[in-house]
PDB file of N, CA and C in Angstrom:
ATOM      1  N   MET A   1      82.225 -47.184  23.572  1.00  0.00           N
ATOM      2  CA  MET A   1      81.646 -46.215  24.485  1.00  0.00           C
ATOM      3  C   MET A   1      81.032 -45.058  23.707  1.00  0.00           C
ATOM      4  N   ALA A   2      81.738 -44.563  22.703  1.00  0.00           N
ATOM      5  CA  ALA A   2      81.214 -43.449  21.917  1.00  0.00           C
ATOM      6  C   ALA A   2      79.922 -43.847  21.207  1.00  0.00           C
ATOM      7  N   GLN A   3      79.867 -45.091  20.708  1.00  0.00           N
ATOM      8  CA  GLN A   3      78.653 -45.541  20.033  1.00  0.00           C
ATOM      9  C   GLN A   3      77.493 -45.615  21.014  1.00  0.00           C
ATOM     10  N   LEU A   4      77.757 -46.126  22.218  1.00  0.00           N
ATOM     11  CA  LEU A   4      76.701 -46.203  23.222  1.00  0.00           C
ATOM     12  C   LEU A   4      76.242 -44.814  23.621  1.00  0.00           C
ATOM     13  N   ALA A   5      77.194 -43.916  23.853  1.00  0.00           N
ATOM     14  CA  ALA A   5      76.843 -42.564  24.262  1.00  0.00           C
ATOM     15  C   ALA A   5      76.038 -41.873  23.175  1.00  0.00           C
ATOM     16  N   GLY A   6      76.394 -42.086  21.937  1.00  0.00           N
ATOM     17  CA  GLY A   6      75.678 -41.467  20.829  1.00  0.00           C
ATOM     18  C   GLY A   6      74.272 -41.990  20.674  1.00  0.00           C
ATOM     19  N   SER A   7      74.021 -43.201  21.125  1.00  0.00           N
ATOM     20  CA  SER A   7      72.689 -43.780  20.958  1.00  0.00           C
ATOM     21  C   SER A   7      71.796 -43.546  22.161  1.00  0.00           C
ATOM     22  N   ALA A   8      72.317 -42.955  23.233  1.00  0.00           N
ATOM     23  CA  ALA A   8      71.527 -42.807  24.452  1.00  0.00           C
ATOM     24  C   ALA A   8      70.355 -41.855  24.271  1.00  0.00           C
ATOM     25  N   ALA A   9      70.611 -40.686  23.733  1.00  0.00           N
ATOM     26  CA  ALA A   9      69.553 -39.685  23.630  1.00  0.00           C
ATOM     27  C   ALA A   9      68.406 -40.121  22.720  1.00  0.00           C
ATOM     28  N   PRO A  10      68.658 -40.696  21.517  1.00  0.00           N
ATOM     29  CA  PRO A  10      67.533 -41.098  20.673  1.00  0.00           C
ATOM     30  C   PRO A  10      66.652 -42.165  21.312  1.00  0.00           C
ATOM     31  N   MET A  11      67.182 -42.983  22.207  1.00  0.00           N
ATOM     32  CA  MET A  11      66.381 -44.035  22.826  1.00  0.00           C
ATOM     33  C   MET A  11      65.589 -43.502  24.014  1.00  0.00           C
ATOM     34  N   GLY A  12      65.713 -42.237  24.328  1.00  0.00           N
ATOM     35  CA  GLY A  12      64.940 -41.664  25.413  1.00  0.00           C
ATOM     36  C   GLY A  12      65.751 -41.401  26.662  1.00  0.00           C
ATOM     37  N   GLY A  13      66.969 -41.896  26.744  1.00  0.00           N
ATOM     38  CA  GLY A  13      67.812 -41.623  27.890  1.00  0.00           C
ATOM     39  C   GLY A  13      68.839 -40.569  27.546  1.00  0.00           C
ATOM     40  N   SER A  14      69.310 -39.889  28.558  1.00  0.00           N
ATOM     41  CA  SER A  14      70.330 -38.879  28.323  1.00  0.00           C
ATOM     42  C   SER A  14      71.707 -39.517  28.417  1.00  0.00           C
ATOM     43  N   ASN A  15      72.718 -38.791  27.985  1.00  0.00           N
ATOM     44  CA  ASN A  15      74.088 -39.273  28.132  1.00  0.00           C
ATOM     45  C   ASN A  15      74.421 -39.465  29.604  1.00  0.00           C
ATOM     46  N   ASP A  16      73.889 -38.599  30.479  1.00  0.00           N
ATOM     47  CA  ASP A  16      74.115 -38.759  31.916  1.00  0.00           C
ATOM     48  C   ASP A  16      73.525 -40.071  32.421  1.00  0.00           C
ATOM     49  N   ASP A  17      72.339 -40.438  31.907  1.00  0.00           N
ATOM     50  CA  ASP A  17      71.721 -41.709  32.304  1.00  0.00           C
ATOM     51  C   ASP A  17      72.596 -42.884  31.893  1.00  0.00           C
ATOM     52  N   LEU A  18      73.110 -42.828  30.663  1.00  0.00           N
ATOM     53  CA  LEU A  18      73.956 -43.905  30.164  1.00  0.00           C
ATOM     54  C   LEU A  18      75.229 -44.013  30.982  1.00  0.00           C
ATOM     55  N   LEU A  19      75.870 -42.883  31.257  1.00  0.00           N
ATOM     56  CA  LEU A  19      77.095 -42.911  32.054  1.00  0.00           C
ATOM     57  C   LEU A  19      76.829 -43.426  33.460  1.00  0.00           C
ATOM     58  N   ALA A  20      75.692 -43.083  34.026  1.00  0.00           N
ATOM     59  CA  ALA A  20      75.346 -43.586  35.357  1.00  0.00           C
ATOM     60  C   ALA A  20      75.228 -45.103  35.346  1.00  0.00           C
ATOM     61  N   GLN A  21      74.631 -45.662  34.289  1.00  0.00           N
ATOM     62  CA  GLN A  21      74.516 -47.120  34.190  1.00  0.00           C
ATOM     63  C   GLN A  21      75.884 -47.766  34.034  1.00  0.00           C
ATOM     64  N   LEU A  22      76.723 -47.167  33.196  1.00  0.00           N
ATOM     65  CA  LEU A  22      78.048 -47.743  32.964  1.00  0.00           C
ATOM     66  C   LEU A  22      78.939 -47.648  34.197  1.00  0.00           C
ATOM     67  N   ASN A  23      78.725 -46.620  35.010  1.00  0.00           N
ATOM     68  CA  ASN A  23      79.559 -46.405  36.188  1.00  0.00           C
ATOM     69  C   ASN A  23      78.903 -46.877  37.478  1.00  0.00           C
ATOM     70  N   ALA A  24      77.794 -47.588  37.368  1.00  0.00           N
ATOM     71  CA  ALA A  24      77.082 -48.055  38.558  1.00  0.00           C
ATOM     72  C   ALA A  24      77.961 -49.003  39.365  1.00  0.00           C
ATOM     73  N   GLU A  25      77.779 -48.934  40.660  1.00  0.00           N
ATOM     74  CA  GLU A  25      78.507 -49.832  41.549  1.00  0.00           C
ATOM     75  C   GLU A  25      78.065 -51.273  41.292  1.00  0.00           C
ATOM     76  N   PRO A  26      79.004 -52.213  41.329  1.00  0.00           N
ATOM     77  CA  PRO A  26      78.614 -53.618  41.171  1.00  0.00           C
ATOM     78  C   PRO A  26      77.817 -54.089  42.388  1.00  0.00           C
ATOM     79  N   GLU A  27      77.115 -55.174  42.206  1.00  0.00           N
ATOM     80  CA  GLU A  27      76.368 -55.744  43.327  1.00  0.00           C
ATOM     81  C   GLU A  27      77.347 -56.078  44.452  1.00  0.00           C
ATOM     82  N   PRO A  28      76.952 -55.860  45.698  1.00  0.00           N
ATOM     83  CA  PRO A  28      77.853 -56.169  46.813  1.00  0.00           C
ATOM     84  C   PRO A  28      78.127 -57.669  46.913  1.00  0.00           C
ATOM     85  N   ASP A  29      79.325 -58.007  47.353  1.00  0.00           N
ATOM     86  CA  ASP A  29      79.719 -59.403  47.539  1.00  0.00           C
ATOM     87  C   ASP A  29      79.087 -59.910  48.832  1.00  0.00           C
ATOM     88  N   PRO A  30      78.152 -60.859  48.763  1.00  0.00           N
ATOM     89  CA  PRO A  30      77.480 -61.320  49.980  1.00  0.00           C
ATOM     90  C   PRO A  30      78.412 -62.058  50.942  1.00  0.00           C
ATOM     91  N   LEU A  31      79.559 -62.488  50.456  1.00  0.00           N
ATOM     92  CA  LEU A  31      80.498 -63.215  51.318  1.00  0.00           C
ATOM     93  C   LEU A  31      81.564 -62.307  51.929  1.00  0.00           C
ATOM     94  N   ALA A  32      81.512 -61.021  51.628  1.00  0.00           N
ATOM     95  CA  ALA A  32      82.569 -60.102  52.063  1.00  0.00           C
ATOM     96  C   ALA A  32      82.701 -60.028  53.582  1.00  0.00           C
ATOM     97  N   ASP A  33      81.600 -60.141  54.308  1.00  0.00           N
ATOM     98  CA  ASP A  33      81.647 -59.976  55.762  1.00  0.00           C
ATOM     99  C   ASP A  33      81.620 -61.292  56.536  1.00  0.00           C
ATOM    100  N   VAL A  34      81.740 -62.412  55.831  1.00  0.00           N
ATOM    101  CA  VAL A  34      81.740 -63.708  56.516  1.00  0.00           C
ATOM    102  C   VAL A  34      83.032 -63.843  57.320  1.00  0.00           C
ATOM    103  N   GLU A  35      82.875 -64.171  58.593  1.00  0.00           N
ATOM    104  CA  GLU A  35      84.044 -64.417  59.444  1.00  0.00           C
ATOM    105  C   GLU A  35      84.277 -65.922  59.485  1.00  0.00           C
ATOM    106  N   TYR A  36      85.405 -66.320  58.957  1.00  0.00           N
ATOM    107  CA  TYR A  36      85.721 -67.746  58.865  1.00  0.00           C
ATOM    108  C   TYR A  36      86.377 -68.225  60.151  1.00  0.00           C
ATOM    109  N   THR A  37      86.014 -69.461  60.538  1.00  0.00           N
ATOM    110  CA  THR A  37      86.514 -70.045  61.787  1.00  0.00           C
ATOM    111  C   THR A  37      87.569 -71.111  61.544  1.00  0.00           C
ATOM    112  N   GLY A  38      87.631 -71.615  60.325  1.00  0.00           N
ATOM    113  CA  GLY A  38      88.516 -72.740  60.032  1.00  0.00           C
ATOM    114  C   GLY A  38      87.793 -74.069  60.124  1.00  0.00           C
ATOM    115  N   ASP A  39      86.582 -74.071  60.660  1.00  0.00           N
ATOM    116  CA  ASP A  39      85.751 -75.271  60.749  1.00  0.00           C
ATOM    117  C   ASP A  39      84.878 -75.300  59.491  1.00  0.00           C
ATOM    118  N   VAL A  40      85.141 -76.259  58.591  1.00  0.00           N
ATOM    119  CA  VAL A  40      84.478 -76.283  57.286  1.00  0.00           C
ATOM    120  C   VAL A  40      82.952 -76.327  57.403  1.00  0.00           C
ATOM    121  N   PRO A  41      82.354 -77.209  58.221  1.00  0.00           N
ATOM    122  CA  PRO A  41      80.886 -77.204  58.313  1.00  0.00           C
ATOM    123  C   PRO A  41      80.334 -75.855  58.823  1.00  0.00           C
ATOM    124  N   GLU A  42      80.986 -75.285  59.831  1.00  0.00           N
ATOM    125  CA  GLU A  42      80.533 -73.988  60.362  1.00  0.00           C
ATOM    126  C   GLU A  42      80.711 -72.883  59.326  1.00  0.00           C
ATOM    127  N   ASP A  43      81.854 -72.873  58.653  1.00  0.00           N
ATOM    128  CA  ASP A  43      82.101 -71.861  57.619  1.00  0.00           C
ATOM    129  C   ASP A  43      81.099 -71.998  56.475  1.00  0.00           C
ATOM    130  N   SER A  44      80.750 -73.232  56.135  1.00  0.00           N
ATOM    131  CA  SER A  44      79.755 -73.460  55.078  1.00  0.00           C
ATOM    132  C   SER A  44      78.399 -72.905  55.484  1.00  0.00           C
ATOM    133  N   ARG A  45      78.000 -73.111  56.748  1.00  0.00           N
ATOM    134  CA  ARG A  45      76.734 -72.564  57.240  1.00  0.00           C
ATOM    135  C   ARG A  45      76.750 -71.030  57.177  1.00  0.00           C
ATOM    136  N   ARG A  46      77.868 -70.453  57.589  1.00  0.00           N
ATOM    137  CA  ARG A  46      77.979 -68.988  57.557  1.00  0.00           C
ATOM    138  C   ARG A  46      77.900 -68.462  56.119  1.00  0.00           C
ATOM    139  N   GLU A  47      78.559 -69.164  55.207  1.00  0.00           N
ATOM    140  CA  GLU A  47      78.497 -68.749  53.800  1.00  0.00           C
ATOM    141  C   GLU A  47      77.073 -68.873  53.262  1.00  0.00           C
ATOM    142  N   LEU A  48      76.406 -69.979  53.577  1.00  0.00           N
ATOM    143  CA  LEU A  48      75.035 -70.179  53.109  1.00  0.00           C
ATOM    144  C   LEU A  48      74.111 -69.098  53.662  1.00  0.00           C
ATOM    145  N   THR A  49      74.258 -68.794  54.951  1.00  0.00           N
ATOM    146  CA  THR A  49      73.450 -67.736  55.560  1.00  0.00           C
ATOM    147  C   THR A  49      73.699 -66.402  54.859  1.00  0.00           C
ATOM    148  N   ALA A  50      74.965 -66.095  54.593  1.00  0.00           N
ATOM    149  CA  ALA A  50      75.307 -64.837  53.918  1.00  0.00           C
ATOM    150  C   ALA A  50      74.759 -64.811  52.493  1.00  0.00           C
ATOM    151  N   LEU A  51      74.842 -65.934  51.790  1.00  0.00           N
ATOM    152  CA  LEU A  51      74.307 -65.998  50.427  1.00  0.00           C
ATOM    153  C   LEU A  51      72.793 -65.835  50.422  1.00  0.00           C
ATOM    154  N   GLN A  52      72.116 -66.480  51.382  1.00  0.00           N
ATOM    155  CA  GLN A  52      70.660 -66.331  51.472  1.00  0.00           C
ATOM    156  C   GLN A  52      70.281 -64.871  51.721  1.00  0.00           C
ATOM    157  N   GLN A  53      71.019 -64.215  52.623  1.00  0.00           N
ATOM    158  CA  GLN A  53      70.752 -62.800  52.896  1.00  0.00           C
ATOM    159  C   GLN A  53      71.039 -61.961  51.658  1.00  0.00           C
ATOM    160  N   GLY A  54      72.086 -62.303  50.927  1.00  0.00           N
ATOM    161  CA  GLY A  54      72.402 -61.600  49.686  1.00  0.00           C
ATOM    162  C   GLY A  54      71.277 -61.710  48.673  1.00  0.00           C
ATOM    163  N   PHE A  55      70.699 -62.898  48.540  1.00  0.00           N
ATOM    164  CA  PHE A  55      69.566 -63.077  47.626  1.00  0.00           C
ATOM    165  C   PHE A  55      68.352 -62.269  48.091  1.00  0.00           C
ATOM    166  N   ARG A  56      68.087 -62.266  49.409  1.00  0.00           N
ATOM    167  CA  ARG A  56      66.953 -61.485  49.928  1.00  0.00           C
ATOM    168  C   ARG A  56      67.165 -59.989  49.672  1.00  0.00           C
ATOM    169  N   ASP A  57      68.387 -59.525  49.936  1.00  0.00           N
ATOM    170  CA  ASP A  57      68.689 -58.108  49.712  1.00  0.00           C
ATOM    171  C   ASP A  57      68.556 -57.749  48.236  1.00  0.00           C
ATOM    172  N   ARG A  58      69.048 -58.620  47.364  1.00  0.00           N
ATOM    173  CA  ARG A  58      68.976 -58.369  45.918  1.00  0.00           C
ATOM    174  C   ARG A  58      67.524 -58.366  45.456  1.00  0.00           C
ATOM    175  N   ALA A  59      66.713 -59.263  46.018  1.00  0.00           N
ATOM    176  CA  ALA A  59      65.292 -59.309  45.658  1.00  0.00           C
ATOM    177  C   ALA A  59      64.596 -58.005  46.049  1.00  0.00           C
ATOM    178  N   LYS A  60      64.949 -57.442  47.209  1.00  0.00           N
ATOM    179  CA  LYS A  60      64.368 -56.161  47.623  1.00  0.00           C
ATOM    180  C   LYS A  60      64.774 -55.047  46.661  1.00  0.00           C
ATOM    181  N   ARG A  61      66.055 -55.013  46.290  1.00  0.00           N
ATOM    182  CA  ARG A  61      66.516 -53.981  45.350  1.00  0.00           C
ATOM    183  C   ARG A  61      65.833 -54.143  43.997  1.00  0.00           C
ATOM    184  N   GLU A  62      65.668 -55.382  43.556  1.00  0.00           N
ATOM    185  CA  GLU A  62      65.021 -55.632  42.266  1.00  0.00           C
ATOM    186  C   GLU A  62      63.552 -55.235  42.314  1.00  0.00           C
ATOM    187  N   ALA A  63      62.884 -55.499  43.434  1.00  0.00           N
ATOM    188  CA  ALA A  63      61.479 -55.106  43.563  1.00  0.00           C
ATOM    189  C   ALA A  63      61.343 -53.585  43.458  1.00  0.00           C
ATOM    190  N   GLU A  64      62.250 -52.854  44.076  1.00  0.00           N
ATOM    191  CA  GLU A  64      62.212 -51.389  43.988  1.00  0.00           C
ATOM    192  C   GLU A  64      62.539 -50.926  42.574  1.00  0.00           C
ATOM    193  N   ARG A  65      63.525 -51.539  41.933  1.00  0.00           N
ATOM    194  CA  ARG A  65      63.874 -51.192  40.558  1.00  0.00           C
ATOM    195  C   ARG A  65      62.675 -51.442  39.639  1.00  0.00           C
ATOM    196  N   PHE A  66      62.011 -52.578  39.825  1.00  0.00           N
ATOM    197  CA  PHE A  66      60.847 -52.921  39.010  1.00  0.00           C
ATOM    198  C   PHE A  66      59.715 -51.913  39.225  1.00  0.00           C
ATOM    199  N   ARG A  67      59.492 -51.548  40.482  1.00  0.00           N
ATOM    200  CA  ARG A  67      58.440 -50.571  40.780  1.00  0.00           C
ATOM    201  C   ARG A  67      58.723 -49.256  40.056  1.00  0.00           C
ATOM    202  N   LEU A  68      59.966 -48.798  40.131  1.00  0.00           N
ATOM    203  CA  LEU A  68      60.326 -47.548  39.462  1.00  0.00           C
ATOM    204  C   LEU A  68      60.235 -47.675  37.941  1.00  0.00           C
ATOM    205  N   ALA A  69      60.632 -48.833  37.414  1.00  0.00           N
ATOM    206  CA  ALA A  69      60.637 -49.025  35.958  1.00  0.00           C
ATOM    207  C   ALA A  69      59.231 -49.139  35.378  1.00  0.00           C
ATOM    208  N   THR A  70      58.275 -49.601  36.179  1.00  0.00           N
ATOM    209  CA  THR A  70      56.928 -49.821  35.649  1.00  0.00           C
ATOM    210  C   THR A  70      55.921 -48.779  36.119  1.00  0.00           C
ATOM    211  N   ASP A  71      56.352 -47.834  36.933  1.00  0.00           N
ATOM    212  CA  ASP A  71      55.467 -46.765  37.387  1.00  0.00           C
ATOM    213  C   ASP A  71      55.224 -45.813  36.228  1.00  0.00           C
ATOM    214  N   SER A  72      53.991 -45.695  35.803  1.00  0.00           N
ATOM    215  CA  SER A  72      53.691 -44.848  34.645  1.00  0.00           C
ATOM    216  C   SER A  72      53.251 -43.443  35.045  1.00  0.00           C
ATOM    217  N   GLU A  73      53.220 -43.154  36.307  1.00  0.00           N
ATOM    218  CA  GLU A  73      52.736 -41.844  36.759  1.00  0.00           C
ATOM    219  C   GLU A  73      53.873 -40.873  37.038  1.00  0.00           C
ATOM    220  N   TYR A  74      54.900 -40.893  36.217  1.00  0.00           N
ATOM    221  CA  TYR A  74      56.036 -39.995  36.412  1.00  0.00           C
ATOM    222  C   TYR A  74      56.182 -39.009  35.264  1.00  0.00           C
ATOM    223  N   TRP A  75      55.227 -38.926  34.402  1.00  0.00           N
ATOM    224  CA  TRP A  75      55.312 -38.034  33.249  1.00  0.00           C
ATOM    225  C   TRP A  75      54.035 -37.217  33.136  1.00  0.00           C
ATOM    226  N   LEU A  76      54.079 -36.200  32.294  1.00  0.00           N
ATOM    227  CA  LEU A  76      52.903 -35.388  32.040  1.00  0.00           C
ATOM    228  C   LEU A  76      52.869 -35.021  30.567  1.00  0.00           C
ATOM    229  N   ALA A  77      51.749 -34.531  30.124  1.00  0.00           N
ATOM    230  CA  ALA A  77      51.604 -34.099  28.732  1.00  0.00           C
ATOM    231  C   ALA A  77      51.024 -32.688  28.727  1.00  0.00           C
ATOM    232  N   ILE A  78      51.513 -31.892  27.817  1.00  0.00           N
ATOM    233  CA  ILE A  78      51.000 -30.539  27.611  1.00  0.00           C
ATOM    234  C   ILE A  78      50.554 -30.466  26.159  1.00  0.00           C
ATOM    235  N   CYS A  79      49.354 -29.973  25.928  1.00  0.00           N
ATOM    236  CA  CYS A  79      48.794 -29.972  24.577  1.00  0.00           C
ATOM    237  C   CYS A  79      48.492 -28.549  24.116  1.00  0.00           C
ATOM    238  N   PHE A  80      48.772 -28.289  22.857  1.00  0.00           N
ATOM    239  CA  PHE A  80      48.468 -27.003  22.230  1.00  0.00           C
ATOM    240  C   PHE A  80      47.578 -27.256  21.018  1.00  0.00           C
ATOM    241  N   LYS A  81      47.031 -26.204  20.463  1.00  0.00           N
ATOM    242  CA  LYS A  81      46.161 -26.339  19.294  1.00  0.00           C
ATOM    243  C   LYS A  81      46.939 -26.644  18.025  1.00  0.00           C
ATOM    244  N   SER A  82      48.221 -26.254  18.001  1.00  0.00           N
ATOM    245  CA  SER A  82      49.004 -26.475  16.787  1.00  0.00           C
ATOM    246  C   SER A  82      50.477 -26.674  17.133  1.00  0.00           C
ATOM    247  N   ARG A  83      51.210 -27.222  16.174  1.00  0.00           N
ATOM    248  CA  ARG A  83      52.651 -27.389  16.313  1.00  0.00           C
ATOM    249  C   ARG A  83      53.314 -26.023  16.484  1.00  0.00           C
ATOM    250  N   GLU A  84      52.827 -25.050  15.738  1.00  0.00           N
ATOM    251  CA  GLU A  84      53.395 -23.705  15.823  1.00  0.00           C
ATOM    252  C   GLU A  84      53.261 -23.145  17.237  1.00  0.00           C
ATOM    253  N   ASP A  85      52.094 -23.340  17.855  1.00  0.00           N
ATOM    254  CA  ASP A  85      51.894 -22.864  19.230  1.00  0.00           C
ATOM    255  C   ASP A  85      52.828 -23.581  20.197  1.00  0.00           C
ATOM    256  N   LYS A  86      52.976 -24.893  20.007  1.00  0.00           N
ATOM    257  CA  LYS A  86      53.879 -25.665  20.864  1.00  0.00           C
ATOM    258  C   LYS A  86      55.293 -25.129  20.743  1.00  0.00           C
ATOM    259  N   GLU A  87      55.763 -24.932  19.515  1.00  0.00           N
ATOM    260  CA  GLU A  87      57.128 -24.457  19.303  1.00  0.00           C
ATOM    261  C   GLU A  87      57.310 -23.032  19.815  1.00  0.00           C
ATOM    262  N   LYS A  88      56.279 -22.208  19.687  1.00  0.00           N
ATOM    263  CA  LYS A  88      56.348 -20.845  20.223  1.00  0.00           C
ATOM    264  C   LYS A  88      56.496 -20.893  21.740  1.00  0.00           C
ATOM    265  N   PHE A  89      55.709 -21.745  22.380  1.00  0.00           N
ATOM    266  CA  PHE A  89      55.812 -21.909  23.831  1.00  0.00           C
ATOM    267  C   PHE A  89      57.221 -22.343  24.227  1.00  0.00           C
ATOM    268  N   LEU A  90      57.741 -23.361  23.553  1.00  0.00           N
ATOM    269  CA  LEU A  90      59.074 -23.861  23.892  1.00  0.00           C
ATOM    270  C   LEU A  90      60.145 -22.800  23.671  1.00  0.00           C
ATOM    271  N   ARG A  91      60.026 -22.049  22.582  1.00  0.00           N
ATOM    272  CA  ARG A  91      60.992 -20.970  22.319  1.00  0.00           C
ATOM    273  C   ARG A  91      60.902 -19.896  23.403  1.00  0.00           C
ATOM    274  N   ASN A  92      59.689 -19.436  23.687  1.00  0.00           N
ATOM    275  CA  ASN A  92      59.504 -18.370  24.674  1.00  0.00           C
ATOM    276  C   ASN A  92      59.903 -18.800  26.084  1.00  0.00           C
ATOM    277  N   ALA A  93      59.706 -20.070  26.403  1.00  0.00           N
ATOM    278  CA  ALA A  93      60.106 -20.593  27.712  1.00  0.00           C
ATOM    279  C   ALA A  93      61.579 -20.985  27.731  1.00  0.00           C
ATOM    280  N   LYS A  94      62.244 -20.827  26.586  1.00  0.00           N
ATOM    281  CA  LYS A  94      63.660 -21.188  26.429  1.00  0.00           C
ATOM    282  C   LYS A  94      63.896 -22.666  26.757  1.00  0.00           C
ATOM    283  N   LEU A  95      62.986 -23.507  26.266  1.00  0.00           N
ATOM    284  CA  LEU A  95      63.060 -24.952  26.495  1.00  0.00           C
ATOM    285  C   LEU A  95      63.326 -25.735  25.222  1.00  0.00           C
ATOM    286  N   LEU A  96      63.328 -25.081  24.083  1.00  0.00           N
ATOM    287  CA  LEU A  96      63.434 -25.798  22.815  1.00  0.00           C
ATOM    288  C   LEU A  96      64.708 -26.630  22.728  1.00  0.00           C
ATOM    289  N   HIS A  97      65.793 -26.149  23.319  1.00  0.00           N
ATOM    290  CA  HIS A  97      67.047 -26.917  23.255  1.00  0.00           C
ATOM    291  C   HIS A  97      67.000 -28.173  24.131  1.00  0.00           C
ATOM    292  N   VAL A  98      66.055 -28.236  25.069  1.00  0.00           N
ATOM    293  CA  VAL A  98      65.907 -29.432  25.910  1.00  0.00           C
ATOM    294  C   VAL A  98      65.205 -30.531  25.121  1.00  0.00           C
ATOM    295  N   GLY A  99      64.312 -30.141  24.234  1.00  0.00           N
ATOM    296  CA  GLY A  99      63.589 -31.098  23.411  1.00  0.00           C
ATOM    297  C   GLY A  99      62.306 -30.473  22.909  1.00  0.00           C
ATOM    298  N   ASP A 100      61.679 -31.143  21.948  1.00  0.00           N
ATOM    299  CA  ASP A 100      60.412 -30.612  21.454  1.00  0.00           C
ATOM    300  C   ASP A 100      59.253 -31.562  21.720  1.00  0.00           C
ATOM    301  N   LYS A 101      59.541 -32.703  22.325  1.00  0.00           N
ATOM    302  CA  LYS A 101      58.480 -33.655  22.630  1.00  0.00           C
ATOM    303  C   LYS A 101      58.734 -34.315  23.985  1.00  0.00           C
ATOM    304  N   TYR A 102      59.877 -34.948  24.134  1.00  0.00           N
ATOM    305  CA  TYR A 102      60.226 -35.632  25.382  1.00  0.00           C
ATOM    306  C   TYR A 102      61.383 -34.883  26.023  1.00  0.00           C
ATOM    307  N   MET A 103      61.189 -34.464  27.270  1.00  0.00           N
ATOM    308  CA  MET A 103      62.201 -33.661  27.947  1.00  0.00           C
ATOM    309  C   MET A 103      62.478 -34.214  29.335  1.00  0.00           C
ATOM    310  N   ASP A 104      63.704 -34.027  29.780  1.00  0.00           N
ATOM    311  CA  ASP A 104      64.090 -34.373  31.140  1.00  0.00           C
ATOM    312  C   ASP A 104      63.424 -33.367  32.077  1.00  0.00           C
ATOM    313  N   GLY A 105      62.536 -33.848  32.931  1.00  0.00           N
ATOM    314  CA  GLY A 105      61.800 -32.963  33.825  1.00  0.00           C
ATOM    315  C   GLY A 105      62.696 -32.161  34.744  1.00  0.00           C
ATOM    316  N   TYR A 106      63.819 -32.760  35.171  1.00  0.00           N
ATOM    317  CA  TYR A 106      64.735 -32.044  36.054  1.00  0.00           C
ATOM    318  C   TYR A 106      65.444 -30.916  35.312  1.00  0.00           C
ATOM    319  N   ALA A 107      65.758 -31.141  34.028  1.00  0.00           N
ATOM    320  CA  ALA A 107      66.367 -30.078  33.225  1.00  0.00           C
ATOM    321  C   ALA A 107      65.374 -28.934  33.048  1.00  0.00           C
ATOM    322  N   VAL A 108      64.121 -29.259  32.789  1.00  0.00           N
ATOM    323  CA  VAL A 108      63.090 -28.231  32.645  1.00  0.00           C
ATOM    324  C   VAL A 108      62.928 -27.473  33.963  1.00  0.00           C
ATOM    325  N   ALA A 109      62.884 -28.201  35.073  1.00  0.00           N
ATOM    326  CA  ALA A 109      62.736 -27.556  36.382  1.00  0.00           C
ATOM    327  C   ALA A 109      63.891 -26.589  36.646  1.00  0.00           C
ATOM    328  N   ARG A 110      65.118 -27.016  36.341  1.00  0.00           N
ATOM    329  CA  ARG A 110      66.274 -26.128  36.538  1.00  0.00           C
ATOM    330  C   ARG A 110      66.117 -24.851  35.719  1.00  0.00           C
ATOM    331  N   LEU A 111      65.751 -25.003  34.442  1.00  0.00           N
ATOM    332  CA  LEU A 111      65.615 -23.834  33.567  1.00  0.00           C
ATOM    333  C   LEU A 111      64.489 -22.902  34.012  1.00  0.00           C
ATOM    334  N   LEU A 112      63.439 -23.466  34.581  1.00  0.00           N
ATOM    335  CA  LEU A 112      62.313 -22.650  35.036  1.00  0.00           C
ATOM    336  C   LEU A 112      62.491 -22.156  36.470  1.00  0.00           C
ATOM    337  N   GLY A 113      63.590 -22.574  37.121  1.00  0.00           N
ATOM    338  CA  GLY A 113      63.845 -22.143  38.492  1.00  0.00           C
ATOM    339  C   GLY A 113      62.975 -22.833  39.519  1.00  0.00           C
ATOM    340  N   VAL A 114      62.515 -24.032  39.199  1.00  0.00           N
ATOM    341  CA  VAL A 114      61.671 -24.796  40.120  1.00  0.00           C
ATOM    342  C   VAL A 114      62.563 -25.717  40.944  1.00  0.00           C
ATOM    343  N   PRO A 115      62.605 -25.545  42.278  1.00  0.00           N
ATOM    344  CA  PRO A 115      63.455 -26.419  43.095  1.00  0.00           C
ATOM    345  C   PRO A 115      62.899 -27.847  43.142  1.00  0.00           C
ATOM    346  N   MET A 116      63.793 -28.806  43.005  1.00  0.00           N
ATOM    347  CA  MET A 116      63.427 -30.224  43.066  1.00  0.00           C
ATOM    348  C   MET A 116      64.358 -30.895  44.061  1.00  0.00           C
ATOM    349  N   ASP A 117      63.810 -31.734  44.934  1.00  0.00           N
ATOM    350  CA  ASP A 117      64.618 -32.405  45.950  1.00  0.00           C
ATOM    351  C   ASP A 117      65.446 -33.546  45.394  1.00  0.00           C
ATOM    352  N   ASP A 118      64.906 -34.298  44.423  1.00  0.00           N
ATOM    353  CA  ASP A 118      65.528 -35.547  43.971  1.00  0.00           C
ATOM    354  C   ASP A 118      66.203 -35.414  42.621  1.00  0.00           C
ATOM    355  N   GLU A 119      67.072 -34.461  42.453  1.00  0.00           N
ATOM    356  CA  GLU A 119      67.760 -34.317  41.163  1.00  0.00           C
ATOM    357  C   GLU A 119      68.886 -35.302  41.076  1.00  0.00           C
TER     358      GLU A 119
END
């Protein structure tokens, strides 16, 4: 765990991101709500129906995950004439401790007092 946590930030994710992945809820059991009758053919149909619905639900979640993972319009770039100007900006904005190139937008928003709905 310590090795994973230590490697999270250099790969672009924060320790909070890594912990969220490690603590994520497991996929729901598609058979959890099947009501069994004791009739094997009927119970098999109910299980198959539940499994099919589980696959459909998982496909929807995966489609949303894929959309979020491949959406490239969630970042921005700010450019200065020199490295010194960039670092001066980050120091004066008190953002240097967040990063000098890639920063968590929500952390920046908090520091700048910008309200965000989806933190």
